[in-house]
Amino acid sequence: MIPFKSPELNDREAAAKAVAASGYIGSDASFANIYLLRKKYGTQVALQDGFLFRYYNGQGSRRGYAFPLGEGDVGAALKWTVDDARAMGRPLEFCLVDEPRAQILREYFNANCVVETEGFSGKESAGPLLHFENNRGDSDYVYSAEALATLAGNQYRKKRNHISRFNRTYGQFELQEITAENAGVALEIEKSWLKSVAGDSACEPTCECEEAARAECSEDEKSRMAEYCAIVEALENFDALGMKGAVLYVEGKAVGMTMASEIAPGAWDIHFEKVIGEYADNGGYAVINKMFAERLVADGAKFINREEDIDLEGLRKAKLSYYPQTILDKTHVTCSLDLHCHPRDSQCHPRDLTCHPERSAQREVEGSSPE
């Protein structure tokens, strides 16, 4: 079995090394996301033979094994995954799989469609082996860092106009790096943003006794609370998670904040970005986006991943308006390989049409009995 456990801060270095070796820059592979969202999705990780393994205990597209990331024998890593699913009695499903790795799954299962049970092997061939389900809301928006930092060209004219409006409306503004001294300021911005979108009736932001605190909240409020708790942990473990961030000040007043971490060398993930009140209406998001991108470029960023749109039309429109270089689609892959039933296993009943239907039909015709 794969030695899964809850992610810990001291896993970051080895996990980042495995992700960097894989060349994958999806936001789900950011160690900060893995750690900060571990409670929301019941995420478990393992680091074995240079590979990062993940299992998500969430729902829908956040349930199943992530594709193992690392450098080495990918076939061996996939076999460990299949063996783990068998040992744990789990369905064999892969979540958040991009197309290059989906193709690896196709090739692997086509060539290695083998179940091993007590030393026996056999091919599974009843129906399509892999089922692919794409959710557009899971797709990452990946941008050229240089493009976001410069906003050059006619396509960004509206963004430059937003920034000009901000310049005209407010006399002095600056972006200050998040440090231990102003981490509390960033959290206060989040609280103000929560109040503005949810109103006075919103659940009080808290990360204590989570289940009790959220019991009376709506699903939207629960989602916002999960993000709030992630922001609290990000600020508490800022350096340990390798975070970078900034607070936007207008005439001395904190009005916006943003935080990011490096997925792999040169590729950064924007985890949180909030601007409050009139400052958002007057172009604050365009300002903080551009100014922070400038800082990331100065630190060597080539790509900026602004994560998914979770199927929200307004958020999708906003992300598309920055002209992503790539929309990184992700697929949920379900394998119909029966890990727990085998024609040579005495516990398998080949006359049951739910188990090896092609073999069962053949035996009925031939009048044969189980092996």
Foldseek 3Di string as FASTA:
>chain_A
DAPKDQDDLVCQVLLLQQLQQQVDQAPCSQVLNSNLCCVVFVKIWGADPFWIKIATNHDDLRGAIAQIGGDDDSLVVVVVRLVVCLVVVHFHKYHFAFDVVVVVVVVSCVVDQWAADPHDIDHFDPPDFKDKDWDQQQWWFKAFLVCLQPVDDPLSPVLVVLVVLLCVVFPDKDKAKDDLVCLVVQLVLLVQQCCVVPPPPAQDQDDPPLCVSCVPPDPVSNVSSSLSSSSVVCSVCVVSSQKIKIFMDTPRHTFKMWMWHASHQQEIETSDIGGDDVCVVRNVRSVRSNVVSNVVVVVRHGMYIDGGQSPDVVSVVVSCSSPGPDTGITIMMGGPSDNHADLQDPVHALCPCVGSVVVNVVCVVVVHHGD
